[in-house]
Amino acid sequence: MTMGDQMRQRYPRLIRSVQRVHGLSEAAALTVFVEYAIFGITDDTNETYLASLGGPLTILQQGIIRRHFHPIDR
């Protein structure tokens, strides 16, 4: 099982929230989670399209905030 699969199992609602808020594909949303899990709290990223959105930490923070505005996921 890859780290992306583990993230998909553990955080399905948050992944959908990140996808909706930023218009990312599932693969891009999983990249955010994997980078955050590997590198920790940082705004640096290897992916340029994620850097333009503010980095993994910002993307996850906005996904967490917006997740509560979408009760359909519960």
C-alpha atoms as a PDB file:
ATOM      1  CA  MET A   1       0.000   0.000   0.000  1.00  0.00           C
ATOM      2  CA  THR A   2       1.448   3.346  -1.047  1.00  0.00           C
ATOM      3  CA  MET A   3       1.411   6.478   1.073  1.00  0.00           C
ATOM      4  CA  GLY A   4      -1.186   7.960  -1.297  1.00  0.00           C
ATOM      5  CA  ASP A   5      -3.458   4.964  -0.704  1.00  0.00           C
ATOM      6  CA  GLN A   6      -3.072   5.384   3.045  1.00  0.00           C
ATOM      7  CA  MET A   7      -3.995   9.073   2.785  1.00  0.00           C
ATOM      8  CA  ARG A   8      -6.980   8.233   0.572  1.00  0.00           C
ATOM      9  CA  GLN A   9      -8.288   5.793   3.188  1.00  0.00           C
ATOM     10  CA  ARG A  10      -7.648   8.024   6.178  1.00  0.00           C
ATOM     11  CA  TYR A  11      -8.787  11.445   4.884  1.00  0.00           C
ATOM     12  CA  PRO A  12     -11.441  10.994   2.159  1.00  0.00           C
ATOM     13  CA  ARG A  13     -13.550  14.060   3.092  1.00  0.00           C
ATOM     14  CA  LEU A  14     -10.541  16.330   3.423  1.00  0.00           C
ATOM     15  CA  ILE A  15      -9.186  15.187   0.057  1.00  0.00           C
ATOM     16  CA  ARG A  16     -12.535  16.003  -1.582  1.00  0.00           C
ATOM     17  CA  SER A  17     -12.582  19.378   0.151  1.00  0.00           C
ATOM     18  CA  VAL A  18      -9.072  20.223  -1.084  1.00  0.00           C
ATOM     19  CA  GLN A  19     -10.100  19.159  -4.595  1.00  0.00           C
ATOM     20  CA  ARG A  20     -13.188  21.394  -4.536  1.00  0.00           C
ATOM     21  CA  VAL A  21     -11.563  24.449  -2.975  1.00  0.00           C
ATOM     22  CA  HIS A  22      -8.583  24.524  -5.325  1.00  0.00           C
ATOM     23  CA  GLY A  23      -9.940  22.705  -8.374  1.00  0.00           C
ATOM     24  CA  LEU A  24      -7.307  19.987  -8.112  1.00  0.00           C
ATOM     25  CA  SER A  25      -7.452  16.461  -9.428  1.00  0.00           C
ATOM     26  CA  GLU A  26      -7.386  13.608  -6.936  1.00  0.00           C
ATOM     27  CA  ALA A  27      -3.757  12.904  -7.818  1.00  0.00           C
ATOM     28  CA  ALA A  28      -2.762  16.530  -7.144  1.00  0.00           C
ATOM     29  CA  ALA A  29      -4.673  16.560  -3.847  1.00  0.00           C
ATOM     30  CA  LEU A  30      -2.916  13.356  -2.796  1.00  0.00           C
ATOM     31  CA  THR A  31       0.420  14.938  -3.728  1.00  0.00           C
ATOM     32  CA  VAL A  32      -0.339  17.721  -1.239  1.00  0.00           C
ATOM     33  CA  PHE A  33      -0.991  15.186   1.530  1.00  0.00           C
ATOM     34  CA  VAL A  34       2.066  13.083   0.718  1.00  0.00           C
ATOM     35  CA  GLU A  35       4.373  16.119   0.586  1.00  0.00           C
ATOM     36  CA  TYR A  36       2.977  17.328   3.890  1.00  0.00           C
ATOM     37  CA  ALA A  37       3.469  13.895   5.452  1.00  0.00           C
ATOM     38  CA  ILE A  38       7.046  13.591   4.192  1.00  0.00           C
ATOM     39  CA  PHE A  39       8.337  17.151   4.607  1.00  0.00           C
ATOM     40  CA  GLY A  40       6.147  18.374   7.465  1.00  0.00           C
ATOM     41  CA  ILE A  41       5.078  21.950   8.069  1.00  0.00           C
ATOM     42  CA  THR A  42       6.572  23.931   5.239  1.00  0.00           C
ATOM     43  CA  ASP A  43       5.447  26.219   2.473  1.00  0.00           C
ATOM     44  CA  ASP A  44       8.073  24.820   0.116  1.00  0.00           C
ATOM     45  CA  THR A  45       7.032  22.356  -2.526  1.00  0.00           C
ATOM     46  CA  ASN A  46       8.537  20.523  -5.474  1.00  0.00           C
ATOM     47  CA  GLU A  47       5.412  21.053  -7.566  1.00  0.00           C
ATOM     48  CA  THR A  48       5.129  24.487  -9.188  1.00  0.00           C
ATOM     49  CA  TYR A  49       1.323  24.407  -9.431  1.00  0.00           C
ATOM     50  CA  LEU A  50       1.106  23.713  -5.710  1.00  0.00           C
ATOM     51  CA  ALA A  51       3.540  26.532  -4.956  1.00  0.00           C
ATOM     52  CA  SER A  52       1.323  28.951  -6.893  1.00  0.00           C
ATOM     53  CA  LEU A  53      -1.544  28.030  -4.531  1.00  0.00           C
ATOM     54  CA  GLY A  54       0.553  28.832  -1.453  1.00  0.00           C
ATOM     55  CA  GLY A  55       2.187  25.482  -0.738  1.00  0.00           C
ATOM     56  CA  PRO A  56       0.918  22.311   0.919  1.00  0.00           C
ATOM     57  CA  LEU A  57       0.337  23.861   4.337  1.00  0.00           C
ATOM     58  CA  THR A  58      -1.861  26.656   2.980  1.00  0.00           C
ATOM     59  CA  ILE A  59      -3.775  24.263   0.742  1.00  0.00           C
ATOM     60  CA  LEU A  60      -4.505  21.925   3.660  1.00  0.00           C
ATOM     61  CA  GLN A  61      -5.502  24.784   5.969  1.00  0.00           C
ATOM     62  CA  GLN A  62      -8.012  26.105   3.439  1.00  0.00           C
ATOM     63  CA  GLY A  63      -9.333  22.597   2.829  1.00  0.00           C
ATOM     64  CA  ILE A  64      -9.888  22.083   6.561  1.00  0.00           C
ATOM     65  CA  ILE A  65     -11.694  25.411   6.922  1.00  0.00           C
ATOM     66  CA  ARG A  66     -13.889  24.836   3.872  1.00  0.00           C
ATOM     67  CA  ARG A  67     -14.648  21.209   4.769  1.00  0.00           C
ATOM     68  CA  HIS A  68     -17.046  22.439   7.443  1.00  0.00           C
ATOM     69  CA  PHE A  69     -19.029  24.405   4.848  1.00  0.00           C
ATOM     70  CA  HIS A  70     -19.848  21.229   2.907  1.00  0.00           C
ATOM     71  CA  PRO A  71     -22.040  19.039   5.160  1.00  0.00           C
ATOM     72  CA  ILE A  72     -22.922  16.830   2.165  1.00  0.00           C
ATOM     73  CA  ASP A  73     -19.615  14.995   2.700  1.00  0.00           C
ATOM     74  CA  ARG A  74     -20.580  13.774   6.159  1.00  0.00           C
END
